[in-house]
Amino acid sequence: MHNTKKRIGPELGSLVLLAAAGLLLVIGASALPGPEYDPMGPAGLPRIIGIALLLLLGARLVSIVRTPQPVSTQTGTAPKPQPQLRRTLATAGLTVIYLMVLTLGGLPFAAVTGVYLTLLGFCMTNFSIRKLPPVIIIAAVVGIGLSYLFSDVLNIILPG
């Protein structure tokens, strides 16, 4: 028999950091100047992203608390640790490396973004090589699409 125990687990640290980022976006947006040429002004996008992030984190916390985790009591051994911590650490490390590579420059934005998204997809698929081909295709399309959107449509100078 299994007893169920509600626990947040290793995800709590990531959720706290993301909640702090959401709060900083919402609070920091209020320090930006008011609108001049558009209805929302420069504070609109950070405020929307911060609010969306906080709403999604709230929904995730509710789902974590409501989902019971099985704990084995007969064998005396704890259940196998979930790969969430490994995925969280890999995602955080990849994001830091991605930002450092973009900051240093020298490599094209589309290529760096494609590799970054491929590695993130690899983490999301539980490090499964079998699921990698569609991830590579999606990452390449998104990397090239973002590069085109930012540089040609929005006229934003990209690093690299």
N, C-alpha and C. Protein backbone atom coordinates (compact mmCIF):
# COMPACT_ATOMS: atom_id res chain seq x y z
N MET A 1 0.82 -1.18 0.00
CA MET A 1 0.00 0.00 0.00
C MET A 1 0.87 1.24 0.00
N HIS A 2 0.34 2.27 -0.59
CA HIS A 2 1.05 3.53 -0.67
C HIS A 2 0.27 4.61 0.08
N ASN A 3 0.97 5.34 0.89
CA ASN A 3 0.39 6.54 1.49
C ASN A 3 0.68 7.71 0.56
N THR A 4 -0.21 8.67 0.54
CA THR A 4 0.04 9.83 -0.30
C THR A 4 0.41 11.00 0.58
N LYS A 5 1.37 11.77 0.12
CA LYS A 5 1.86 12.90 0.88
C LYS A 5 2.03 14.06 -0.10
N LYS A 6 1.43 15.20 0.24
CA LYS A 6 1.56 16.37 -0.62
C LYS A 6 2.87 17.07 -0.29
N ARG A 7 3.67 17.33 -1.34
CA ARG A 7 4.91 18.06 -1.13
C ARG A 7 5.25 18.83 -2.38
N ILE A 8 5.93 19.90 -2.20
CA ILE A 8 6.29 20.75 -3.32
C ILE A 8 7.56 20.25 -3.98
N GLY A 9 8.52 19.78 -3.22
CA GLY A 9 9.71 19.19 -3.78
C GLY A 9 10.73 20.20 -4.26
N PRO A 10 11.63 19.75 -5.12
CA PRO A 10 12.74 20.60 -5.55
C PRO A 10 12.32 21.76 -6.44
N GLU A 11 11.09 21.77 -6.84
CA GLU A 11 10.60 22.83 -7.72
C GLU A 11 10.40 24.15 -6.98
N LEU A 12 10.33 24.10 -5.67
CA LEU A 12 10.02 25.29 -4.88
C LEU A 12 11.02 26.42 -5.10
N GLY A 13 12.31 26.12 -5.14
CA GLY A 13 13.32 27.15 -5.34
C GLY A 13 13.16 27.85 -6.67
N SER A 14 12.89 27.09 -7.71
CA SER A 14 12.68 27.68 -9.03
C SER A 14 11.43 28.56 -9.04
N LEU A 15 10.38 28.10 -8.39
CA LEU A 15 9.15 28.87 -8.36
C LEU A 15 9.33 30.17 -7.59
N VAL A 16 10.11 30.14 -6.52
CA VAL A 16 10.35 31.36 -5.75
C VAL A 16 11.14 32.37 -6.59
N LEU A 17 12.17 31.89 -7.30
CA LEU A 17 12.94 32.78 -8.16
C LEU A 17 12.09 33.37 -9.28
N LEU A 18 11.24 32.56 -9.88
CA LEU A 18 10.38 33.07 -10.94
C LEU A 18 9.34 34.05 -10.39
N ALA A 19 8.85 33.79 -9.19
CA ALA A 19 7.91 34.73 -8.58
C ALA A 19 8.60 36.06 -8.29
N ALA A 20 9.84 36.02 -7.83
CA ALA A 20 10.59 37.26 -7.60
C ALA A 20 10.80 38.00 -8.91
N ALA A 21 11.10 37.26 -9.98
CA ALA A 21 11.28 37.91 -11.28
C ALA A 21 9.98 38.55 -11.75
N GLY A 22 8.86 37.87 -11.56
CA GLY A 22 7.57 38.44 -11.94
C GLY A 22 7.25 39.69 -11.15
N LEU A 23 7.51 39.66 -9.85
CA LEU A 23 7.28 40.85 -9.03
C LEU A 23 8.19 42.00 -9.43
N LEU A 24 9.46 41.69 -9.72
CA LEU A 24 10.37 42.74 -10.17
C LEU A 24 9.92 43.35 -11.49
N LEU A 25 9.41 42.53 -12.39
CA LEU A 25 8.90 43.06 -13.66
C LEU A 25 7.73 44.01 -13.44
N VAL A 26 6.80 43.59 -12.58
CA VAL A 26 5.62 44.43 -12.34
C VAL A 26 6.01 45.71 -11.61
N ILE A 27 6.85 45.60 -10.59
CA ILE A 27 7.27 46.78 -9.83
C ILE A 27 8.18 47.67 -10.68
N GLY A 28 9.11 47.06 -11.41
CA GLY A 28 10.02 47.83 -12.26
C GLY A 28 9.31 48.55 -13.39
N ALA A 29 8.21 48.00 -13.87
CA ALA A 29 7.46 48.63 -14.95
C ALA A 29 6.86 49.95 -14.50
N SER A 30 6.56 50.06 -13.23
CA SER A 30 5.97 51.32 -12.75
C SER A 30 6.99 52.45 -12.74
N ALA A 31 8.28 52.13 -12.76
CA ALA A 31 9.32 53.16 -12.78
C ALA A 31 9.60 53.68 -14.19
N LEU A 32 9.09 53.01 -15.21
CA LEU A 32 9.33 53.44 -16.59
C LEU A 32 8.44 54.63 -16.93
N PRO A 33 8.86 55.44 -17.89
CA PRO A 33 8.06 56.63 -18.24
C PRO A 33 6.72 56.25 -18.86
N GLY A 34 5.80 57.20 -18.82
CA GLY A 34 4.45 56.98 -19.35
C GLY A 34 4.44 56.91 -20.86
N PRO A 35 3.28 56.59 -21.43
CA PRO A 35 3.18 56.44 -22.88
C PRO A 35 3.28 57.78 -23.60
N GLU A 36 4.00 57.76 -24.73
CA GLU A 36 4.09 58.94 -25.57
C GLU A 36 3.47 58.69 -26.94
N TYR A 37 3.88 57.60 -27.58
CA TYR A 37 3.45 57.33 -28.95
C TYR A 37 2.53 56.13 -29.08
N ASP A 38 2.43 55.35 -28.05
CA ASP A 38 1.55 54.20 -28.11
C ASP A 38 0.72 54.14 -26.82
N PRO A 39 -0.39 53.44 -26.84
CA PRO A 39 -1.29 53.48 -25.68
C PRO A 39 -0.72 52.85 -24.41
N MET A 40 0.18 51.87 -24.54
CA MET A 40 0.68 51.19 -23.35
C MET A 40 1.98 51.80 -22.84
N GLY A 41 2.77 52.40 -23.70
CA GLY A 41 4.05 52.94 -23.30
C GLY A 41 5.08 51.84 -23.10
N PRO A 42 6.29 52.23 -22.68
CA PRO A 42 7.35 51.23 -22.51
C PRO A 42 7.12 50.28 -21.34
N ALA A 43 6.22 50.61 -20.43
CA ALA A 43 5.98 49.76 -19.27
C ALA A 43 4.97 48.65 -19.55
N GLY A 44 4.28 48.72 -20.68
CA GLY A 44 3.22 47.76 -20.95
C GLY A 44 3.69 46.33 -21.05
N LEU A 45 4.71 46.07 -21.86
CA LEU A 45 5.16 44.69 -22.07
C LEU A 45 5.74 44.08 -20.81
N PRO A 46 6.66 44.77 -20.09
CA PRO A 46 7.16 44.14 -18.85
C PRO A 46 6.05 43.87 -17.84
N ARG A 47 5.08 44.77 -17.76
CA ARG A 47 3.98 44.59 -16.81
C ARG A 47 3.15 43.37 -17.19
N ILE A 48 2.85 43.22 -18.48
CA ILE A 48 2.05 42.07 -18.94
C ILE A 48 2.79 40.77 -18.71
N ILE A 49 4.09 40.75 -19.01
CA ILE A 49 4.88 39.53 -18.82
C ILE A 49 4.96 39.18 -17.34
N GLY A 50 5.16 40.18 -16.49
CA GLY A 50 5.22 39.93 -15.05
C GLY A 50 3.92 39.38 -14.50
N ILE A 51 2.81 39.97 -14.92
CA ILE A 51 1.50 39.49 -14.45
C ILE A 51 1.22 38.08 -14.96
N ALA A 52 1.54 37.82 -16.24
CA ALA A 52 1.34 36.48 -16.79
C ALA A 52 2.20 35.46 -16.06
N LEU A 53 3.45 35.83 -15.76
CA LEU A 53 4.34 34.92 -15.04
C LEU A 53 3.79 34.61 -13.65
N LEU A 54 3.31 35.62 -12.96
CA LEU A 54 2.75 35.39 -11.62
C LEU A 54 1.49 34.53 -11.67
N LEU A 55 0.63 34.75 -12.67
CA LEU A 55 -0.57 33.92 -12.80
C LEU A 55 -0.22 32.47 -13.10
N LEU A 56 0.74 32.24 -13.99
CA LEU A 56 1.14 30.87 -14.31
C LEU A 56 1.79 30.19 -13.11
N LEU A 57 2.59 30.93 -12.36
CA LEU A 57 3.20 30.36 -11.16
C LEU A 57 2.15 30.00 -10.12
N GLY A 58 1.14 30.85 -9.97
CA GLY A 58 0.06 30.53 -9.05
C GLY A 58 -0.67 29.26 -9.44
N ALA A 59 -0.93 29.12 -10.74
CA ALA A 59 -1.59 27.90 -11.23
C ALA A 59 -0.71 26.67 -10.99
N ARG A 60 0.60 26.81 -11.18
CA ARG A 60 1.51 25.69 -10.97
C ARG A 60 1.57 25.31 -9.49
N LEU A 61 1.60 26.29 -8.62
CA LEU A 61 1.60 25.99 -7.19
C LEU A 61 0.34 25.24 -6.78
N VAL A 62 -0.79 25.67 -7.30
CA VAL A 62 -2.05 24.98 -6.98
C VAL A 62 -1.99 23.53 -7.47
N SER A 63 -1.46 23.32 -8.68
CA SER A 63 -1.40 21.95 -9.21
C SER A 63 -0.42 21.08 -8.42
N ILE A 64 0.67 21.68 -7.92
CA ILE A 64 1.62 20.90 -7.12
C ILE A 64 0.99 20.50 -5.80
N VAL A 65 0.32 21.43 -5.16
CA VAL A 65 -0.28 21.15 -3.85
C VAL A 65 -1.41 20.14 -3.98
N ARG A 66 -2.15 20.17 -5.06
CA ARG A 66 -3.29 19.26 -5.23
C ARG A 66 -2.89 17.86 -5.67
N THR A 67 -1.70 17.68 -6.24
CA THR A 67 -1.28 16.38 -6.75
C THR A 67 -0.60 15.59 -5.64
N PRO A 68 -1.16 14.47 -5.23
CA PRO A 68 -0.52 13.66 -4.19
C PRO A 68 0.67 12.89 -4.75
N GLN A 69 1.72 12.80 -3.97
CA GLN A 69 2.92 12.06 -4.35
C GLN A 69 2.92 10.73 -3.60
N PRO A 70 3.09 9.58 -4.29
CA PRO A 70 3.12 8.30 -3.58
C PRO A 70 4.43 8.13 -2.79
N VAL A 71 4.29 7.61 -1.57
CA VAL A 71 5.45 7.32 -0.73
C VAL A 71 5.33 5.86 -0.31
N SER A 72 6.34 5.09 -0.58
CA SER A 72 6.32 3.67 -0.26
C SER A 72 6.58 3.48 1.23
N THR A 73 5.72 2.71 1.90
CA THR A 73 5.90 2.46 3.33
C THR A 73 6.26 1.00 3.60
N GLN A 74 6.00 0.10 2.66
CA GLN A 74 6.25 -1.32 2.92
C GLN A 74 7.71 -1.68 2.73
N THR A 75 8.33 -1.16 1.65
CA THR A 75 9.70 -1.59 1.36
C THR A 75 10.72 -0.83 2.17
N GLY A 76 10.33 0.30 2.74
CA GLY A 76 11.26 1.08 3.54
C GLY A 76 12.17 1.96 2.70
N THR A 77 11.97 1.96 1.41
CA THR A 77 12.79 2.80 0.55
C THR A 77 11.97 3.97 0.05
N ALA A 78 12.62 5.04 -0.14
CA ALA A 78 11.95 6.23 -0.66
C ALA A 78 11.71 6.04 -2.16
N PRO A 79 10.70 6.72 -2.72
CA PRO A 79 10.48 6.61 -4.15
C PRO A 79 11.64 7.22 -4.93
N LYS A 80 11.79 6.79 -6.17
CA LYS A 80 12.88 7.28 -7.00
C LYS A 80 12.77 8.80 -7.16
N PRO A 81 13.90 9.51 -7.03
CA PRO A 81 13.83 10.95 -7.21
C PRO A 81 13.46 11.30 -8.65
N GLN A 82 12.62 12.30 -8.79
CA GLN A 82 12.18 12.70 -10.11
C GLN A 82 13.27 13.55 -10.77
N PRO A 83 13.32 13.54 -12.10
CA PRO A 83 14.37 14.29 -12.78
C PRO A 83 14.10 15.79 -12.88
N GLN A 84 13.15 16.30 -12.07
CA GLN A 84 12.81 17.72 -12.14
C GLN A 84 13.99 18.59 -11.75
N LEU A 85 14.71 18.22 -10.72
CA LEU A 85 15.83 19.02 -10.27
C LEU A 85 16.92 19.06 -11.34
N ARG A 86 17.19 17.91 -11.96
CA ARG A 86 18.20 17.86 -13.01
C ARG A 86 17.80 18.72 -14.19
N ARG A 87 16.52 18.67 -14.57
CA ARG A 87 16.05 19.50 -15.68
C ARG A 87 16.09 20.98 -15.33
N THR A 88 15.73 21.31 -14.10
CA THR A 88 15.74 22.71 -13.66
C THR A 88 17.16 23.27 -13.68
N LEU A 89 18.11 22.50 -13.14
CA LEU A 89 19.50 22.95 -13.13
C LEU A 89 20.06 23.05 -14.54
N ALA A 90 19.73 22.10 -15.40
CA ALA A 90 20.20 22.14 -16.78
C ALA A 90 19.63 23.36 -17.51
N THR A 91 18.36 23.63 -17.30
CA THR A 91 17.72 24.78 -17.94
C THR A 91 18.35 26.08 -17.47
N ALA A 92 18.58 26.20 -16.17
CA ALA A 92 19.19 27.42 -15.63
C ALA A 92 20.61 27.59 -16.17
N GLY A 93 21.38 26.51 -16.18
CA GLY A 93 22.75 26.58 -16.70
C GLY A 93 22.79 26.93 -18.18
N LEU A 94 21.91 26.31 -18.96
CA LEU A 94 21.87 26.61 -20.40
C LEU A 94 21.47 28.05 -20.65
N THR A 95 20.56 28.58 -19.85
CA THR A 95 20.13 29.96 -20.03
C THR A 95 21.28 30.92 -19.73
N VAL A 96 22.03 30.66 -18.68
CA VAL A 96 23.17 31.52 -18.35
C VAL A 96 24.22 31.46 -19.46
N ILE A 97 24.50 30.27 -19.97
CA ILE A 97 25.48 30.12 -21.05
C ILE A 97 24.99 30.82 -22.31
N TYR A 98 23.71 30.68 -22.63
CA TYR A 98 23.12 31.33 -23.80
C TYR A 98 23.27 32.85 -23.71
N LEU A 99 22.95 33.41 -22.56
CA LEU A 99 23.08 34.85 -22.39
C LEU A 99 24.53 35.31 -22.46
N MET A 100 25.44 34.51 -21.92
CA MET A 100 26.86 34.87 -22.00
C MET A 100 27.35 34.83 -23.44
N VAL A 101 26.96 33.83 -24.20
CA VAL A 101 27.38 33.74 -25.59
C VAL A 101 26.82 34.91 -26.40
N LEU A 102 25.56 35.27 -26.16
CA LEU A 102 24.98 36.41 -26.86
C LEU A 102 25.68 37.71 -26.47
N THR A 103 26.04 37.84 -25.20
CA THR A 103 26.71 39.05 -24.75
C THR A 103 28.10 39.18 -25.35
N LEU A 104 28.82 38.07 -25.43
CA LEU A 104 30.17 38.11 -25.99
C LEU A 104 30.15 38.36 -27.49
N GLY A 105 29.10 37.92 -28.16
CA GLY A 105 28.95 38.15 -29.60
C GLY A 105 29.85 37.23 -30.43
N GLY A 106 29.88 37.51 -31.71
CA GLY A 106 30.73 36.73 -32.61
C GLY A 106 30.00 35.60 -33.31
N LEU A 107 28.93 35.11 -32.75
CA LEU A 107 28.17 34.03 -33.38
C LEU A 107 26.80 34.55 -33.79
N PRO A 108 26.26 34.06 -34.90
CA PRO A 108 24.95 34.55 -35.35
C PRO A 108 23.84 34.21 -34.37
N PHE A 109 22.92 35.16 -34.20
CA PHE A 109 21.80 35.01 -33.27
C PHE A 109 20.97 33.77 -33.60
N ALA A 110 20.67 33.55 -34.87
CA ALA A 110 19.81 32.43 -35.25
C ALA A 110 20.45 31.09 -34.88
N ALA A 111 21.76 30.97 -35.09
CA ALA A 111 22.44 29.71 -34.78
C ALA A 111 22.51 29.48 -33.28
N VAL A 112 22.87 30.51 -32.53
CA VAL A 112 22.97 30.37 -31.07
C VAL A 112 21.60 30.05 -30.48
N THR A 113 20.57 30.74 -30.96
CA THR A 113 19.22 30.49 -30.45
C THR A 113 18.75 29.09 -30.82
N GLY A 114 19.05 28.64 -32.04
CA GLY A 114 18.68 27.28 -32.45
C GLY A 114 19.32 26.22 -31.58
N VAL A 115 20.62 26.38 -31.29
CA VAL A 115 21.31 25.41 -30.43
C VAL A 115 20.74 25.44 -29.02
N TYR A 116 20.49 26.65 -28.51
CA TYR A 116 19.92 26.80 -27.17
C TYR A 116 18.55 26.13 -27.08
N LEU A 117 17.69 26.38 -28.05
CA LEU A 117 16.36 25.77 -28.03
C LEU A 117 16.42 24.26 -28.21
N THR A 118 17.39 23.78 -29.00
CA THR A 118 17.56 22.33 -29.15
C THR A 118 17.93 21.69 -27.82
N LEU A 119 18.88 22.31 -27.12
CA LEU A 119 19.30 21.76 -25.83
C LEU A 119 18.18 21.85 -24.79
N LEU A 120 17.40 22.94 -24.82
CA LEU A 120 16.26 23.03 -23.90
C LEU A 120 15.22 21.96 -24.22
N GLY A 121 14.95 21.74 -25.50
CA GLY A 121 14.02 20.68 -25.89
C GLY A 121 14.51 19.31 -25.46
N PHE A 122 15.82 19.10 -25.55
CA PHE A 122 16.42 17.85 -25.11
C PHE A 122 16.18 17.66 -23.62
N CYS A 123 16.30 18.74 -22.83
CA CYS A 123 16.01 18.66 -21.39
C CYS A 123 14.54 18.38 -21.14
N MET A 124 13.66 19.01 -21.91
CA MET A 124 12.21 18.84 -21.69
C MET A 124 11.72 17.45 -22.05
N THR A 125 12.42 16.78 -22.94
CA THR A 125 12.01 15.43 -23.34
C THR A 125 12.69 14.36 -22.50
N ASN A 126 13.12 14.73 -21.29
CA ASN A 126 13.79 13.78 -20.39
C ASN A 126 15.07 13.22 -21.00
N PHE A 127 15.80 14.05 -21.74
CA PHE A 127 17.07 13.70 -22.33
C PHE A 127 16.95 12.48 -23.24
N SER A 128 15.88 12.46 -24.03
CA SER A 128 15.61 11.34 -24.93
C SER A 128 16.15 11.66 -26.33
N ILE A 129 17.08 10.84 -26.80
CA ILE A 129 17.66 11.04 -28.14
C ILE A 129 16.60 10.74 -29.20
N ARG A 130 15.69 9.84 -28.92
CA ARG A 130 14.66 9.44 -29.88
C ARG A 130 13.75 10.61 -30.25
N LYS A 131 13.51 11.52 -29.33
CA LYS A 131 12.62 12.65 -29.58
C LYS A 131 13.36 13.89 -30.08
N LEU A 132 14.66 13.77 -30.35
CA LEU A 132 15.46 14.92 -30.72
C LEU A 132 15.22 15.46 -32.13
N PRO A 133 14.97 14.64 -33.16
CA PRO A 133 14.79 15.21 -34.51
C PRO A 133 13.69 16.26 -34.63
N PRO A 134 12.47 16.05 -34.10
CA PRO A 134 11.49 17.13 -34.20
C PRO A 134 11.89 18.36 -33.39
N VAL A 135 12.59 18.15 -32.27
CA VAL A 135 13.05 19.28 -31.47
C VAL A 135 14.03 20.12 -32.27
N ILE A 136 14.93 19.48 -33.00
CA ILE A 136 15.91 20.20 -33.82
C ILE A 136 15.21 21.01 -34.90
N ILE A 137 14.22 20.42 -35.54
CA ILE A 137 13.49 21.13 -36.61
C ILE A 137 12.76 22.35 -36.04
N ILE A 138 12.07 22.16 -34.91
CA ILE A 138 11.34 23.28 -34.30
C ILE A 138 12.31 24.36 -33.86
N ALA A 139 13.43 23.98 -33.26
CA ALA A 139 14.42 24.96 -32.80
C ALA A 139 15.00 25.76 -33.97
N ALA A 140 15.28 25.09 -35.08
CA ALA A 140 15.82 25.80 -36.24
C ALA A 140 14.81 26.79 -36.80
N VAL A 141 13.56 26.36 -36.90
CA VAL A 141 12.52 27.25 -37.43
C VAL A 141 12.32 28.45 -36.51
N VAL A 142 12.27 28.22 -35.20
CA VAL A 142 12.07 29.32 -34.26
C VAL A 142 13.28 30.25 -34.24
N GLY A 143 14.49 29.70 -34.28
CA GLY A 143 15.70 30.53 -34.29
C GLY A 143 15.76 31.42 -35.52
N ILE A 144 15.50 30.86 -36.69
CA ILE A 144 15.52 31.65 -37.92
C ILE A 144 14.36 32.64 -37.93
N GLY A 145 13.19 32.19 -37.47
CA GLY A 145 12.02 33.07 -37.44
C GLY A 145 12.21 34.25 -36.50
N LEU A 146 12.77 34.02 -35.32
CA LEU A 146 13.03 35.12 -34.39
C LEU A 146 14.06 36.09 -34.95
N SER A 147 15.09 35.54 -35.58
CA SER A 147 16.10 36.40 -36.18
C SER A 147 15.49 37.29 -37.26
N TYR A 148 14.66 36.71 -38.10
CA TYR A 148 13.99 37.49 -39.15
C TYR A 148 13.06 38.52 -38.54
N LEU A 149 12.26 38.11 -37.57
CA LEU A 149 11.30 39.03 -36.95
C LEU A 149 12.01 40.22 -36.31
N PHE A 150 13.03 39.95 -35.51
CA PHE A 150 13.70 41.05 -34.82
C PHE A 150 14.48 41.95 -35.77
N SER A 151 15.24 41.35 -36.69
CA SER A 151 16.12 42.17 -37.52
C SER A 151 15.41 42.82 -38.71
N ASP A 152 14.50 42.10 -39.36
CA ASP A 152 13.89 42.63 -40.58
C ASP A 152 12.53 43.29 -40.36
N VAL A 153 11.75 42.80 -39.44
CA VAL A 153 10.41 43.36 -39.23
C VAL A 153 10.45 44.47 -38.17
N LEU A 154 11.06 44.19 -37.02
CA LEU A 154 11.08 45.15 -35.93
C LEU A 154 12.30 46.07 -35.95
N ASN A 155 13.24 45.80 -36.85
CA ASN A 155 14.46 46.61 -36.99
C ASN A 155 15.24 46.73 -35.68
N ILE A 156 15.43 45.62 -35.00
CA ILE A 156 16.19 45.57 -33.77
C ILE A 156 17.54 44.96 -34.10
N ILE A 157 18.61 45.61 -33.67
CA ILE A 157 19.95 45.09 -33.92
C ILE A 157 20.21 43.96 -32.92
N LEU A 158 20.48 42.79 -33.47
CA LEU A 158 20.71 41.61 -32.63
C LEU A 158 22.19 41.40 -32.40
N PRO A 159 22.55 40.76 -31.27
CA PRO A 159 23.95 40.44 -31.06
C PRO A 159 24.39 39.34 -32.02
N GLY A 160 25.66 39.36 -32.34
CA GLY A 160 26.20 38.30 -33.20
C GLY A 160 26.43 38.67 -34.61
